[in-house]
Amino acid sequence: MTDLVIEDGVCVGVIALDIVSGRIEAFQSGVVIFATGGVGRIYGNSTNALINTGMNMALSYWAGVPLKDMEFIQFHPTTLLGKNILITEGCRGEGGFLLNNKGERFFSQIP
């Protein structure tokens, strides 16, 4: 998606890039629902797909859509630095724990 089509304050469609053909396409709709996969790539280290850039929220915001519950963005700290390969949850289940850059327990104050 590259833009929303807004008429009289109502979203009536989207403009999108066909990643196979490279063509710009217009889609008219009575209802627009996003299923974009999130915005995990706003973090430098993430296991989210490279396409999850946050443009879905940005385009909505620019079109005047109020955003809600912005704190509910996925954050997964257990990736190998520089590779973004997920470290399995099983590591913590077996007694492993994360350290910050000072050697302190990461999230040690969580109740």
PDB file of N, CA and C in Angstrom:
ATOM      1  N   MET A   1       0.839  -1.172   0.000  1.00  0.00           N
ATOM      2  CA  MET A   1       0.000   0.000   0.000  1.00  0.00           C
ATOM      3  C   MET A   1       0.886   1.237   0.000  1.00  0.00           C
ATOM      4  N   THR A   2       0.536   2.177  -0.844  1.00  0.00           N
ATOM      5  CA  THR A   2       1.304   3.420  -0.894  1.00  0.00           C
ATOM      6  C   THR A   2       0.494   4.618  -0.445  1.00  0.00           C
ATOM      7  N   ASP A   3      -0.836   4.492  -0.453  1.00  0.00           N
ATOM      8  CA  ASP A   3      -1.677   5.611  -0.035  1.00  0.00           C
ATOM      9  C   ASP A   3      -3.100   5.121   0.200  1.00  0.00           C
ATOM     10  N   LEU A   4      -3.842   5.897   0.967  1.00  0.00           N
ATOM     11  CA  LEU A   4      -5.261   5.647   1.175  1.00  0.00           C
ATOM     12  C   LEU A   4      -6.050   6.601   0.293  1.00  0.00           C
ATOM     13  N   VAL A   5      -7.207   6.157  -0.194  1.00  0.00           N
ATOM     14  CA  VAL A   5      -8.093   7.018  -0.971  1.00  0.00           C
ATOM     15  C   VAL A   5      -9.164   7.519  -0.013  1.00  0.00           C
ATOM     16  N   ILE A   6      -9.170   8.826   0.236  1.00  0.00           N
ATOM     17  CA  ILE A   6     -10.094   9.438   1.182  1.00  0.00           C
ATOM     18  C   ILE A   6     -11.034  10.363   0.417  1.00  0.00           C
ATOM     19  N   GLU A   7     -12.338  10.179   0.621  1.00  0.00           N
ATOM     20  CA  GLU A   7     -13.346  11.061   0.038  1.00  0.00           C
ATOM     21  C   GLU A   7     -14.268  11.517   1.149  1.00  0.00           C
ATOM     22  N   ASP A   8     -14.376  12.825   1.346  1.00  0.00           N
ATOM     23  CA  ASP A   8     -15.229  13.401   2.391  1.00  0.00           C
ATOM     24  C   ASP A   8     -14.946  12.798   3.763  1.00  0.00           C
ATOM     25  N   GLY A   9     -13.668  12.585   4.060  1.00  0.00           N
ATOM     26  CA  GLY A   9     -13.260  12.069   5.355  1.00  0.00           C
ATOM     27  C   GLY A   9     -13.453  10.575   5.544  1.00  0.00           C
ATOM     28  N   VAL A  10     -13.818   9.859   4.486  1.00  0.00           N
ATOM     29  CA  VAL A  10     -14.045   8.412   4.575  1.00  0.00           C
ATOM     30  C   VAL A  10     -13.062   7.690   3.664  1.00  0.00           C
ATOM     31  N   CYS A  11     -12.458   6.636   4.187  1.00  0.00           N
ATOM     32  CA  CYS A  11     -11.540   5.828   3.375  1.00  0.00           C
ATOM     33  C   CYS A  11     -12.367   4.934   2.455  1.00  0.00           C
ATOM     34  N   VAL A  12     -12.175   5.109   1.144  1.00  0.00           N
ATOM     35  CA  VAL A  12     -12.948   4.356   0.164  1.00  0.00           C
ATOM     36  C   VAL A  12     -12.075   3.448  -0.697  1.00  0.00           C
ATOM     37  N   GLY A  13     -10.807   3.331  -0.347  1.00  0.00           N
ATOM     38  CA  GLY A  13      -9.926   2.458  -1.106  1.00  0.00           C
ATOM     39  C   GLY A  13      -8.470   2.701  -0.791  1.00  0.00           C
ATOM     40  N   VAL A  14      -7.614   2.002  -1.524  1.00  0.00           N
ATOM     41  CA  VAL A  14      -6.171   2.142  -1.345  1.00  0.00           C
ATOM     42  C   VAL A  14      -5.480   2.171  -2.703  1.00  0.00           C
ATOM     43  N   ILE A  15      -4.306   2.752  -2.705  1.00  0.00           N
ATOM     44  CA  ILE A  15      -3.391   2.693  -3.833  1.00  0.00           C
ATOM     45  C   ILE A  15      -2.255   1.776  -3.382  1.00  0.00           C
ATOM     46  N   ALA A  16      -1.889   0.824  -4.219  1.00  0.00           N
ATOM     47  CA  ALA A  16      -0.886  -0.164  -3.806  1.00  0.00           C
ATOM     48  C   ALA A  16       0.069  -0.472  -4.949  1.00  0.00           C
ATOM     49  N   LEU A  17       1.228  -0.968  -4.578  1.00  0.00           N
ATOM     50  CA  LEU A  17       2.244  -1.397  -5.535  1.00  0.00           C
ATOM     51  C   LEU A  17       2.161  -2.909  -5.678  1.00  0.00           C
ATOM     52  N   ASP A  18       1.984  -3.371  -6.904  1.00  0.00           N
ATOM     53  CA  ASP A  18       2.022  -4.808  -7.188  1.00  0.00           C
ATOM     54  C   ASP A  18       3.498  -5.208  -7.230  1.00  0.00           C
ATOM     55  N   ILE A  19       3.955  -5.927  -6.215  1.00  0.00           N
ATOM     56  CA  ILE A  19       5.388  -6.210  -6.119  1.00  0.00           C
ATOM     57  C   ILE A  19       5.860  -7.212  -7.168  1.00  0.00           C
ATOM     58  N   VAL A  20       4.945  -7.910  -7.834  1.00  0.00           N
ATOM     59  CA  VAL A  20       5.324  -8.836  -8.895  1.00  0.00           C
ATOM     60  C   VAL A  20       5.539  -8.084 -10.210  1.00  0.00           C
ATOM     61  N   SER A  21       4.557  -7.236 -10.570  1.00  0.00           N
ATOM     62  CA  SER A  21       4.642  -6.542 -11.870  1.00  0.00           C
ATOM     63  C   SER A  21       5.314  -5.180 -11.771  1.00  0.00           C
ATOM     64  N   GLY A  22       5.317  -4.578 -10.557  1.00  0.00           N
ATOM     65  CA  GLY A  22       5.867  -3.244 -10.396  1.00  0.00           C
ATOM     66  C   GLY A  22       4.877  -2.149 -10.734  1.00  0.00           C
ATOM     67  N   ARG A  23       3.632  -2.514 -11.036  1.00  0.00           N
ATOM     68  CA  ARG A  23       2.614  -1.528 -11.393  1.00  0.00           C
ATOM     69  C   ARG A  23       1.916  -0.989 -10.148  1.00  0.00           C
ATOM     70  N   ILE A  24       1.454   0.263 -10.263  1.00  0.00           N
ATOM     71  CA  ILE A  24       0.624   0.873  -9.225  1.00  0.00           C
ATOM     72  C   ILE A  24      -0.827   0.501  -9.528  1.00  0.00           C
ATOM     73  N   GLU A  25      -1.547   0.039  -8.509  1.00  0.00           N
ATOM     74  CA  GLU A  25      -2.934  -0.384  -8.673  1.00  0.00           C
ATOM     75  C   GLU A  25      -3.814   0.400  -7.704  1.00  0.00           C
ATOM     76  N   ALA A  26      -5.057   0.663  -8.103  1.00  0.00           N
ATOM     77  CA  ALA A  26      -6.044   1.306  -7.240  1.00  0.00           C
ATOM     78  C   ALA A  26      -7.124   0.285  -6.902  1.00  0.00           C
ATOM     79  N   PHE A  27      -7.527   0.249  -5.640  1.00  0.00           N
ATOM     80  CA  PHE A  27      -8.562  -0.672  -5.181  1.00  0.00           C
ATOM     81  C   PHE A  27      -9.634   0.132  -4.470  1.00  0.00           C
ATOM     82  N   GLN A  28     -10.861   0.066  -4.976  1.00  0.00           N
ATOM     83  CA  GLN A  28     -11.992   0.750  -4.356  1.00  0.00           C
ATOM     84  C   GLN A  28     -12.670  -0.229  -3.402  1.00  0.00           C
ATOM     85  N   SER A  29     -13.114   0.297  -2.247  1.00  0.00           N
ATOM     86  CA  SER A  29     -13.737  -0.579  -1.264  1.00  0.00           C
ATOM     87  C   SER A  29     -14.642   0.226  -0.343  1.00  0.00           C
ATOM     88  N   GLY A  30     -15.672  -0.431   0.154  1.00  0.00           N
ATOM     89  CA  GLY A  30     -16.524   0.200   1.149  1.00  0.00           C
ATOM     90  C   GLY A  30     -15.916   0.162   2.532  1.00  0.00           C
ATOM     91  N   VAL A  31     -15.019  -0.795   2.745  1.00  0.00           N
ATOM     92  CA  VAL A  31     -14.344  -0.963   4.037  1.00  0.00           C
ATOM     93  C   VAL A  31     -12.887  -1.306   3.768  1.00  0.00           C
ATOM     94  N   VAL A  32     -11.985  -0.708   4.535  1.00  0.00           N
ATOM     95  CA  VAL A  32     -10.563  -1.026   4.415  1.00  0.00           C
ATOM     96  C   VAL A  32     -10.091  -1.572   5.751  1.00  0.00           C
ATOM     97  N   ILE A  33      -9.545  -2.771   5.728  1.00  0.00           N
ATOM     98  CA  ILE A  33      -9.006  -3.420   6.929  1.00  0.00           C
ATOM     99  C   ILE A  33      -7.542  -3.725   6.669  1.00  0.00           C
ATOM    100  N   PHE A  34      -6.686  -3.337   7.595  1.00  0.00           N
ATOM    101  CA  PHE A  34      -5.262  -3.619   7.449  1.00  0.00           C
ATOM    102  C   PHE A  34      -4.915  -4.972   8.056  1.00  0.00           C
ATOM    103  N   ALA A  35      -4.145  -5.747   7.331  1.00  0.00           N
ATOM    104  CA  ALA A  35      -3.566  -6.991   7.836  1.00  0.00           C
ATOM    105  C   ALA A  35      -2.119  -6.984   7.354  1.00  0.00           C
ATOM    106  N   THR A  36      -1.342  -6.071   7.914  1.00  0.00           N
ATOM    107  CA  THR A  36      -0.019  -5.763   7.370  1.00  0.00           C
ATOM    108  C   THR A  36       1.135  -6.420   8.090  1.00  0.00           C
ATOM    109  N   GLY A  37       0.888  -7.101   9.188  1.00  0.00           N
ATOM    110  CA  GLY A  37       1.968  -7.803   9.851  1.00  0.00           C
ATOM    111  C   GLY A  37       2.719  -7.000  10.886  1.00  0.00           C
ATOM    112  N   GLY A  38       2.331  -5.783  11.140  1.00  0.00           N
ATOM    113  CA  GLY A  38       2.952  -5.047  12.230  1.00  0.00           C
ATOM    114  C   GLY A  38       4.010  -4.057  11.828  1.00  0.00           C
ATOM    115  N   VAL A  39       4.729  -3.582  12.837  1.00  0.00           N
ATOM    116  CA  VAL A  39       5.724  -2.530  12.640  1.00  0.00           C
ATOM    117  C   VAL A  39       7.052  -2.876  13.319  1.00  0.00           C
ATOM    118  N   GLY A  40       7.337  -4.142  13.457  1.00  0.00           N
ATOM    119  CA  GLY A  40       8.522  -4.576  14.199  1.00  0.00           C
ATOM    120  C   GLY A  40       9.838  -4.047  13.672  1.00  0.00           C
ATOM    121  N   ARG A  41       9.908  -3.638  12.422  1.00  0.00           N
ATOM    122  CA  ARG A  41      11.162  -3.148  11.860  1.00  0.00           C
ATOM    123  C   ARG A  41      11.500  -1.732  12.282  1.00  0.00           C
ATOM    124  N   ILE A  42      10.681  -1.138  13.165  1.00  0.00           N
ATOM    125  CA  ILE A  42      11.091   0.151  13.713  1.00  0.00           C
ATOM    126  C   ILE A  42      12.253  -0.035  14.674  1.00  0.00           C
ATOM    127  N   TYR A  43      12.468  -1.280  15.127  1.00  0.00           N
ATOM    128  CA  TYR A  43      13.607  -1.611  15.991  1.00  0.00           C
ATOM    129  C   TYR A  43      14.763  -2.109  15.131  1.00  0.00           C
ATOM    130  N   GLY A  44      15.956  -1.814  15.540  1.00  0.00           N
ATOM    131  CA  GLY A  44      17.142  -2.264  14.809  1.00  0.00           C
ATOM    132  C   GLY A  44      17.296  -3.769  14.823  1.00  0.00           C
ATOM    133  N   ASN A  45      16.947  -4.398  15.925  1.00  0.00           N
ATOM    134  CA  ASN A  45      17.017  -5.853  16.034  1.00  0.00           C
ATOM    135  C   ASN A  45      15.610  -6.385  16.183  1.00  0.00           C
ATOM    136  N   SER A  46      15.177  -7.165  15.219  1.00  0.00           N
ATOM    137  CA  SER A  46      13.813  -7.685  15.226  1.00  0.00           C
ATOM    138  C   SER A  46      13.763  -8.963  14.424  1.00  0.00           C
ATOM    139  N   THR A  47      12.869  -9.856  14.834  1.00  0.00           N
ATOM    140  CA  THR A  47      12.629 -11.065  14.061  1.00  0.00           C
ATOM    141  C   THR A  47      11.496 -10.868  13.070  1.00  0.00           C
ATOM    142  N   ASN A  48      10.927  -9.680  13.006  1.00  0.00           N
ATOM    143  CA  ASN A  48       9.852  -9.392  12.058  1.00  0.00           C
ATOM    144  C   ASN A  48      10.392  -9.396  10.634  1.00  0.00           C
ATOM    145  N   ALA A  49       9.509  -9.683   9.684  1.00  0.00           N
ATOM    146  CA  ALA A  49       9.882  -9.651   8.273  1.00  0.00           C
ATOM    147  C   ALA A  49      10.342  -8.248   7.879  1.00  0.00           C
ATOM    148  N   LEU A  50      11.214  -8.173   6.902  1.00  0.00           N
ATOM    149  CA  LEU A  50      11.757  -6.884   6.465  1.00  0.00           C
ATOM    150  C   LEU A  50      10.676  -5.929   5.981  1.00  0.00           C
ATOM    151  N   ILE A  51       9.554  -6.449   5.512  1.00  0.00           N
ATOM    152  CA  ILE A  51       8.490  -5.603   4.976  1.00  0.00           C
ATOM    153  C   ILE A  51       7.670  -4.926   6.078  1.00  0.00           C
ATOM    154  N   ASN A  52       7.821  -5.332   7.333  1.00  0.00           N
ATOM    155  CA  ASN A  52       7.045  -4.769   8.447  1.00  0.00           C
ATOM    156  C   ASN A  52       7.660  -3.457   8.920  1.00  0.00           C
ATOM    157  N   THR A  53       7.518  -2.429   8.095  1.00  0.00           N
ATOM    158  CA  THR A  53       8.217  -1.158   8.315  1.00  0.00           C
ATOM    159  C   THR A  53       7.447  -0.144   9.137  1.00  0.00           C
ATOM    160  N   GLY A  54       6.152  -0.339   9.302  1.00  0.00           N
ATOM    161  CA  GLY A  54       5.346   0.638  10.008  1.00  0.00           C
ATOM    162  C   GLY A  54       4.619   1.593   9.094  1.00  0.00           C
ATOM    163  N   MET A  55       4.770   1.424   7.778  1.00  0.00           N
ATOM    164  CA  MET A  55       4.079   2.316   6.841  1.00  0.00           C
ATOM    165  C   MET A  55       2.567   2.219   6.975  1.00  0.00           C
ATOM    166  N   ASN A  56       2.056   1.066   7.428  1.00  0.00           N
ATOM    167  CA  ASN A  56       0.612   0.932   7.612  1.00  0.00           C
ATOM    168  C   ASN A  56       0.104   1.969   8.611  1.00  0.00           C
ATOM    169  N   MET A  57       0.788   2.125   9.716  1.00  0.00           N
ATOM    170  CA  MET A  57       0.384   3.123  10.708  1.00  0.00           C
ATOM    171  C   MET A  57       0.651   4.538  10.213  1.00  0.00           C
ATOM    172  N   ALA A  58       1.772   4.740   9.532  1.00  0.00           N
ATOM    173  CA  ALA A  58       2.112   6.075   9.034  1.00  0.00           C
ATOM    174  C   ALA A  58       1.081   6.556   8.017  1.00  0.00           C
ATOM    175  N   LEU A  59       0.718   5.716   7.060  1.00  0.00           N
ATOM    176  CA  LEU A  59      -0.255   6.129   6.045  1.00  0.00           C
ATOM    177  C   LEU A  59      -1.610   6.415   6.675  1.00  0.00           C
ATOM    178  N   SER A  60      -1.993   5.610   7.645  1.00  0.00           N
ATOM    179  CA  SER A  60      -3.257   5.853   8.347  1.00  0.00           C
ATOM    180  C   SER A  60      -3.212   7.191   9.067  1.00  0.00           C
ATOM    181  N   TYR A  61      -2.144   7.433   9.783  1.00  0.00           N
ATOM    182  CA  TYR A  61      -1.987   8.682  10.541  1.00  0.00           C
ATOM    183  C   TYR A  61      -2.014   9.894   9.616  1.00  0.00           C
ATOM    184  N   TRP A  62      -1.265   9.820   8.518  1.00  0.00           N
ATOM    185  CA  TRP A  62      -1.222  10.925   7.560  1.00  0.00           C
ATOM    186  C   TRP A  62      -2.587  11.195   6.947  1.00  0.00           C
ATOM    187  N   ALA A  63      -3.429  10.153   6.858  1.00  0.00           N
ATOM    188  CA  ALA A  63      -4.775  10.307   6.296  1.00  0.00           C
ATOM    189  C   ALA A  63      -5.768  10.820   7.327  1.00  0.00           C
ATOM    190  N   GLY A  64      -5.314  10.990   8.575  1.00  0.00           N
ATOM    191  CA  GLY A  64      -6.182  11.522   9.610  1.00  0.00           C
ATOM    192  C   GLY A  64      -6.846  10.494  10.496  1.00  0.00           C
ATOM    193  N   VAL A  65      -6.453   9.235  10.369  1.00  0.00           N
ATOM    194  CA  VAL A  65      -7.019   8.181  11.219  1.00  0.00           C
ATOM    195  C   VAL A  65      -6.364   8.263  12.592  1.00  0.00           C
ATOM    196  N   PRO A  66      -7.150   8.350  13.663  1.00  0.00           N
ATOM    197  CA  PRO A  66      -6.540   8.383  15.000  1.00  0.00           C
ATOM    198  C   PRO A  66      -5.943   7.018  15.342  1.00  0.00           C
ATOM    199  N   LEU A  67      -4.712   7.002  15.818  1.00  0.00           N
ATOM    200  CA  LEU A  67      -4.054   5.756  16.212  1.00  0.00           C
ATOM    201  C   LEU A  67      -4.312   5.514  17.693  1.00  0.00           C
ATOM    202  N   LYS A  68      -4.421   4.258  18.065  1.00  0.00           N
ATOM    203  CA  LYS A  68      -4.788   3.893  19.429  1.00  0.00           C
ATOM    204  C   LYS A  68      -3.866   2.777  19.913  1.00  0.00           C
ATOM    205  N   ASP A  69      -3.578   2.779  21.211  1.00  0.00           N
ATOM    206  CA  ASP A  69      -2.793   1.717  21.854  1.00  0.00           C
ATOM    207  C   ASP A  69      -1.430   1.518  21.182  1.00  0.00           C
ATOM    208  N   MET A  70      -0.729   2.613  20.957  1.00  0.00           N
ATOM    209  CA  MET A  70       0.566   2.552  20.279  1.00  0.00           C
ATOM    210  C   MET A  70       1.621   1.782  21.064  1.00  0.00           C
ATOM    211  N   GLU A  71       1.403   1.593  22.366  1.00  0.00           N
ATOM    212  CA  GLU A  71       2.394   0.864  23.163  1.00  0.00           C
ATOM    213  C   GLU A  71       2.366  -0.633  22.894  1.00  0.00           C
ATOM    214  N   PHE A  72       1.382  -1.116  22.165  1.00  0.00           N
ATOM    215  CA  PHE A  72       1.270  -2.549  21.918  1.00  0.00           C
ATOM    216  C   PHE A  72       2.002  -2.970  20.652  1.00  0.00           C
ATOM    217  N   ILE A  73       3.215  -2.516  20.487  1.00  0.00           N
ATOM    218  CA  ILE A  73       4.060  -2.910  19.366  1.00  0.00           C
ATOM    219  C   ILE A  73       4.952  -4.042  19.853  1.00  0.00           C
ATOM    220  N   GLN A  74       5.024  -5.109  19.066  1.00  0.00           N
ATOM    221  CA  GLN A  74       5.817  -6.266  19.479  1.00  0.00           C
ATOM    222  C   GLN A  74       7.286  -5.877  19.658  1.00  0.00           C
ATOM    223  N   PHE A  75       7.834  -6.295  20.769  1.00  0.00           N
ATOM    224  CA  PHE A  75       9.262  -6.134  21.020  1.00  0.00           C
ATOM    225  C   PHE A  75       9.787  -7.474  21.497  1.00  0.00           C
ATOM    226  N   HIS A  76      10.720  -8.028  20.786  1.00  0.00           N
ATOM    227  CA  HIS A  76      11.276  -9.327  21.155  1.00  0.00           C
ATOM    228  C   HIS A  76      12.787  -9.174  21.284  1.00  0.00           C
ATOM    229  N   PRO A  77      13.291  -9.116  22.508  1.00  0.00           N
ATOM    230  CA  PRO A  77      14.715  -8.818  22.696  1.00  0.00           C
ATOM    231  C   PRO A  77      15.650  -9.992  22.454  1.00  0.00           C
ATOM    232  N   THR A  78      15.125 -11.176  22.232  1.00  0.00           N
ATOM    233  CA  THR A  78      16.019 -12.340  22.178  1.00  0.00           C
ATOM    234  C   THR A  78      16.407 -12.704  20.745  1.00  0.00           C
ATOM    235  N   THR A  79      17.167 -11.810  20.117  1.00  0.00           N
ATOM    236  CA  THR A  79      17.742 -12.113  18.806  1.00  0.00           C
ATOM    237  C   THR A  79      19.255 -12.039  18.930  1.00  0.00           C
ATOM    238  N   LEU A  80      19.947 -12.774  18.081  1.00  0.00           N
ATOM    239  CA  LEU A  80      21.402 -12.688  18.059  1.00  0.00           C
ATOM    240  C   LEU A  80      21.798 -11.374  17.395  1.00  0.00           C
ATOM    241  N   LEU A  81      22.531 -10.548  18.109  1.00  0.00           N
ATOM    242  CA  LEU A  81      22.914  -9.229  17.641  1.00  0.00           C
ATOM    243  C   LEU A  81      23.639  -9.329  16.298  1.00  0.00           C
ATOM    244  N   GLY A  82      23.188  -8.546  15.353  1.00  0.00           N
ATOM    245  CA  GLY A  82      23.809  -8.501  14.030  1.00  0.00           C
ATOM    246  C   GLY A  82      23.219  -9.492  13.044  1.00  0.00           C
ATOM    247  N   LYS A  83      22.549 -10.529  13.535  1.00  0.00           N
ATOM    248  CA  LYS A  83      21.980 -11.549  12.657  1.00  0.00           C
ATOM    249  C   LYS A  83      20.456 -11.565  12.686  1.00  0.00           C
ATOM    250  N   ASN A  84      19.867 -11.092  13.796  1.00  0.00           N
ATOM    251  CA  ASN A  84      18.416 -11.095  13.999  1.00  0.00           C
ATOM    252  C   ASN A  84      17.812 -12.491  13.929  1.00  0.00           C
ATOM    253  N   ILE A  85      18.570 -13.481  14.328  1.00  0.00           N
ATOM    254  CA  ILE A  85      18.065 -14.842  14.420  1.00  0.00           C
ATOM    255  C   ILE A  85      17.466 -15.002  15.806  1.00  0.00           C
ATOM    256  N   LEU A  86      16.243 -15.494  15.865  1.00  0.00           N
ATOM    257  CA  LEU A  86      15.550 -15.638  17.130  1.00  0.00           C
ATOM    258  C   LEU A  86      16.198 -16.718  17.996  1.00  0.00           C
ATOM    259  N   ILE A  87      16.436 -16.368  19.253  1.00  0.00           N
ATOM    260  CA  ILE A  87      16.883 -17.359  20.241  1.00  0.00           C
ATOM    261  C   ILE A  87      15.616 -17.964  20.825  1.00  0.00           C
ATOM    262  N   THR A  88      15.516 -19.252  20.823  1.00  0.00           N
ATOM    263  CA  THR A  88      14.297 -19.920  21.256  1.00  0.00           C
ATOM    264  C   THR A  88      13.939 -19.597  22.705  1.00  0.00           C
ATOM    265  N   GLU A  89      12.619 -19.590  22.970  1.00  0.00           N
ATOM    266  CA  GLU A  89      12.128 -19.383  24.332  1.00  0.00           C
ATOM    267  C   GLU A  89      12.639 -20.488  25.247  1.00  0.00           C
ATOM    268  N   GLY A  90      12.959 -21.634  24.681  1.00  0.00           N
ATOM    269  CA  GLY A  90      13.468 -22.753  25.470  1.00  0.00           C
ATOM    270  C   GLY A  90      14.749 -22.421  26.220  1.00  0.00           C
ATOM    271  N   CYS A  91      15.533 -21.467  25.717  1.00  0.00           N
ATOM    272  CA  CYS A  91      16.770 -21.068  26.416  1.00  0.00           C
ATOM    273  C   CYS A  91      16.450 -20.558  27.815  1.00  0.00           C
ATOM    274  N   ARG A  92      15.418 -19.701  27.905  1.00  0.00           N
ATOM    275  CA  ARG A  92      15.045 -19.197  29.224  1.00  0.00           C
ATOM    276  C   ARG A  92      14.402 -20.295  30.058  1.00  0.00           C
ATOM    277  N   GLY A  93      13.662 -21.184  29.397  1.00  0.00           N
ATOM    278  CA  GLY A  93      13.044 -22.294  30.108  1.00  0.00           C
ATOM    279  C   GLY A  93      14.064 -23.223  30.742  1.00  0.00           C
ATOM    280  N   GLU A  94      15.256 -23.271  30.174  1.00  0.00           N
ATOM    281  CA  GLU A  94      16.327 -24.117  30.706  1.00  0.00           C
ATOM    282  C   GLU A  94      17.225 -23.365  31.682  1.00  0.00           C
ATOM    283  N   GLY A  95      16.848 -22.115  32.030  1.00  0.00           N
ATOM    284  CA  GLY A  95      17.597 -21.367  33.028  1.00  0.00           C
ATOM    285  C   GLY A  95      18.438 -20.232  32.489  1.00  0.00           C
ATOM    286  N   GLY A  96      18.446 -20.043  31.191  1.00  0.00           N
ATOM    287  CA  GLY A  96      19.201 -18.937  30.615  1.00  0.00           C
ATOM    288  C   GLY A  96      18.528 -17.606  30.914  1.00  0.00           C
ATOM    289  N   PHE A  97      19.291 -16.521  30.868  1.00  0.00           N
ATOM    290  CA  PHE A  97      18.718 -15.196  31.057  1.00  0.00           C
ATOM    291  C   PHE A  97      19.494 -14.195  30.222  1.00  0.00           C
ATOM    292  N   LEU A  98      18.871 -13.048  29.986  1.00  0.00           N
ATOM    293  CA  LEU A  98      19.457 -11.995  29.166  1.00  0.00           C
ATOM    294  C   LEU A  98      20.217 -11.008  30.033  1.00  0.00           C
ATOM    295  N   LEU A  99      21.302 -10.475  29.480  1.00  0.00           N
ATOM    296  CA  LEU A  99      22.069  -9.420  30.145  1.00  0.00           C
ATOM    297  C   LEU A  99      22.070  -8.189  29.260  1.00  0.00           C
ATOM    298  N   ASN A 100      22.037  -7.009  29.892  1.00  0.00           N
ATOM    299  CA  ASN A 100      22.174  -5.786  29.114  1.00  0.00           C
ATOM    300  C   ASN A 100      23.656  -5.517  28.869  1.00  0.00           C
ATOM    301  N   ASN A 101      23.984  -4.367  28.263  1.00  0.00           N
ATOM    302  CA  ASN A 101      25.380  -4.069  27.938  1.00  0.00           C
ATOM    303  C   ASN A 101      26.246  -3.792  29.162  1.00  0.00           C
ATOM    304  N   LYS A 102      25.622  -3.722  30.359  1.00  0.00           N
ATOM    305  CA  LYS A 102      26.371  -3.534  31.595  1.00  0.00           C
ATOM    306  C   LYS A 102      26.531  -4.849  32.367  1.00  0.00           C
ATOM    307  N   GLY A 103      26.060  -5.940  31.770  1.00  0.00           N
ATOM    308  CA  GLY A 103      26.144  -7.235  32.442  1.00  0.00           C
ATOM    309  C   GLY A 103      25.044  -7.460  33.468  1.00  0.00           C
ATOM    310  N   GLU A 104      24.027  -6.594  33.484  1.00  0.00           N
ATOM    311  CA  GLU A 104      22.917  -6.728  34.435  1.00  0.00           C
ATOM    312  C   GLU A 104      21.789  -7.528  33.794  1.00  0.00           C
ATOM    313  N   ARG A 105      20.973  -8.156  34.637  1.00  0.00           N
ATOM    314  CA  ARG A 105      19.826  -8.902  34.125  1.00  0.00           C
ATOM    315  C   ARG A 105      18.872  -7.953  33.383  1.00  0.00           C
ATOM    316  N   PHE A 106      18.477  -8.332  32.201  1.00  0.00           N
ATOM    317  CA  PHE A 106      17.554  -7.558  31.371  1.00  0.00           C
ATOM    318  C   PHE A 106      16.143  -7.788  31.909  1.00  0.00           C
ATOM    319  N   PHE A 107      15.381  -6.714  32.132  1.00  0.00           N
ATOM    320  CA  PHE A 107      14.039  -6.791  32.701  1.00  0.00           C
ATOM    321  C   PHE A 107      14.043  -7.460  34.075  1.00  0.00           C
ATOM    322  N   SER A 108      15.055  -7.226  34.872  1.00  0.00           N
ATOM    323  CA  SER A 108      15.134  -7.900  36.187  1.00  0.00           C
ATOM    324  C   SER A 108      14.096  -7.378  37.169  1.00  0.00           C
ATOM    325  N   GLN A 109      13.504  -6.212  36.916  1.00  0.00           N
ATOM    326  CA  GLN A 109      12.555  -5.621  37.854  1.00  0.00           C
ATOM    327  C   GLN A 109      11.110  -5.963  37.530  1.00  0.00           C
ATOM    328  N   ILE A 110      10.867  -6.861  36.609  1.00  0.00           N
ATOM    329  CA  ILE A 110       9.483  -7.231  36.279  1.00  0.00           C
ATOM    330  C   ILE A 110       8.905  -8.012  37.445  1.00  0.00           C
ATOM    331  N   PRO A 111       7.739  -7.563  37.940  1.00  0.00           N
ATOM    332  CA  PRO A 111       7.141  -8.259  39.103  1.00  0.00           C
ATOM    333  C   PRO A 111       6.669  -9.656  38.756  1.00  0.00           C
TER     334      PRO A 111
END
